[in-house]
Amino acid sequence: MLGSRALLVGRLLQRGIVGKAANSTALRNQIVRHGHDWSYRVNGPKPELLARVGAQAAGGFMWWWVLWHLFHEYEHITGEFDYPDPSQWTNSELGIPEDLEE
């Protein structure tokens, strides 16, 4: 590990010894990659028209599906059976002890 570090330091020193002209040339010869758009503190690039239209269509279909099934199959939310009338329940069914009269 020390050998690799020494080799790296040697290369850096060699570039520094050669002079300013070599350093500026080395900086000008750096590889510049233009593979994607770059954004810093600004909005990113706008997606393509096909992607935007596809996203709107998929979202519209999803909401249609959800609202259609909520309207036509509401039993998934409310339950399949009628709710019993609580006024018909007895005290023993509710777990209320009987009144003790003295």
Protein backbone atom coordinates (compact mmCIF):
# COMPACT_ATOMS: atom_id res chain seq x y z
CA MET A 1 0.00 0.00 0.00
CA LEU A 2 2.82 2.38 0.79
CA GLY A 3 4.37 1.63 -2.59
CA SER A 4 1.22 2.63 -4.46
CA ARG A 5 0.97 5.83 -2.40
CA ALA A 6 4.62 6.63 -3.06
CA LEU A 7 4.09 6.09 -6.79
CA LEU A 8 1.11 8.45 -6.73
CA VAL A 9 3.03 11.11 -4.82
CA GLY A 10 5.94 10.71 -7.27
CA ARG A 11 3.67 11.32 -10.24
CA LEU A 12 2.21 14.41 -8.60
CA LEU A 13 5.65 15.77 -7.84
CA GLN A 14 6.82 15.10 -11.40
CA ARG A 15 3.89 17.05 -12.80
CA GLY A 16 4.65 19.91 -10.41
CA ILE A 17 8.33 19.99 -11.36
CA VAL A 18 7.69 20.10 -15.12
CA GLY A 19 6.18 23.55 -14.83
CA LYS A 20 3.09 25.64 -15.27
CA ALA A 21 2.80 25.06 -19.00
CA ALA A 22 2.50 21.32 -18.54
CA ASN A 23 -0.12 21.73 -15.81
CA SER A 24 -2.28 24.01 -17.90
CA THR A 25 -1.98 21.57 -20.83
CA ALA A 26 -2.97 18.71 -18.55
CA LEU A 27 -6.01 20.67 -17.40
CA ARG A 28 -7.02 21.44 -20.97
CA ASN A 29 -6.74 17.77 -21.99
CA GLN A 30 -9.16 16.46 -19.39
CA ILE A 31 -11.97 14.26 -20.62
CA VAL A 32 -15.34 16.02 -20.63
CA ARG A 33 -18.36 13.76 -20.55
CA HIS A 34 -21.60 15.07 -22.03
CA GLY A 35 -23.78 12.03 -21.41
CA HIS A 36 -26.63 13.82 -19.67
CA ASP A 37 -28.01 17.24 -18.85
CA TRP A 38 -26.55 18.98 -15.85
CA SER A 39 -28.59 21.04 -13.43
CA TYR A 40 -27.47 22.77 -10.25
CA ARG A 41 -29.99 24.76 -8.24
CA VAL A 42 -32.34 24.92 -11.20
CA ASN A 43 -35.08 22.68 -12.49
CA GLY A 44 -33.93 19.59 -14.31
CA PRO A 45 -34.41 19.03 -18.01
CA LYS A 46 -38.00 18.74 -19.20
CA PRO A 47 -39.00 15.16 -20.07
CA GLU A 48 -39.90 14.28 -23.62
CA LEU A 49 -43.44 14.83 -24.84
CA LEU A 50 -44.16 11.11 -25.15
CA ALA A 51 -43.11 10.53 -21.51
CA ARG A 52 -45.29 13.40 -20.26
CA VAL A 53 -48.34 12.27 -22.24
CA GLY A 54 -47.79 8.66 -21.14
CA ALA A 55 -47.58 9.68 -17.49
CA GLN A 56 -50.79 11.74 -17.75
CA ALA A 57 -52.60 8.85 -19.48
CA ALA A 58 -51.42 6.30 -16.90
CA GLY A 59 -52.45 8.60 -14.03
CA GLY A 60 -55.85 9.26 -15.60
CA PHE A 61 -56.46 5.54 -16.11
CA MET A 62 -55.46 4.80 -12.52
CA TRP A 63 -57.87 7.39 -11.09
CA TRP A 64 -60.67 6.18 -13.38
CA TRP A 65 -60.08 2.62 -12.15
CA VAL A 66 -60.11 3.62 -8.48
CA LEU A 67 -63.20 5.87 -8.67
CA TRP A 68 -65.12 3.43 -10.89
CA HIS A 69 -64.61 0.60 -8.43
CA LEU A 70 -65.36 2.79 -5.41
CA PHE A 71 -68.67 3.74 -7.01
CA HIS A 72 -69.69 0.29 -8.29
CA GLU A 73 -68.13 -1.98 -5.64
CA TYR A 74 -68.38 0.12 -2.48
CA GLU A 75 -68.85 -3.05 -0.39
CA HIS A 76 -65.07 -3.36 -0.31
CA ILE A 77 -65.07 -0.26 1.90
CA THR A 78 -68.38 -0.47 3.78
CA GLY A 79 -68.56 -4.23 4.25
CA GLU A 80 -70.71 -6.91 2.72
CA PHE A 81 -73.36 -7.29 5.45
CA ASP A 82 -75.74 -4.83 7.08
CA TYR A 83 -74.57 -3.32 10.36
CA PRO A 84 -76.66 -4.54 13.31
CA ASP A 85 -78.83 -2.09 15.21
CA PRO A 86 -77.08 -1.32 18.53
CA SER A 87 -80.38 -0.46 20.22
CA GLN A 88 -81.38 -4.13 19.98
CA TRP A 89 -78.32 -5.39 21.91
CA THR A 90 -78.79 -6.60 25.46
CA ASN A 91 -76.67 -5.66 28.45
CA SER A 92 -75.22 -9.19 28.65
CA GLU A 93 -74.13 -8.99 25.01
CA LEU A 94 -72.44 -5.66 25.72
CA GLY A 95 -70.79 -6.95 28.92
CA ILE A 96 -72.66 -4.58 31.24
CA PRO A 97 -73.34 -6.08 34.69
CA GLU A 98 -76.89 -6.13 35.99
CA ASP A 99 -78.02 -3.41 38.39
CA LEU A 100 -78.12 -4.58 42.01
CA GLU A 101 -81.08 -3.12 43.84
CA GLU A 102 -80.82 -2.94 47.60
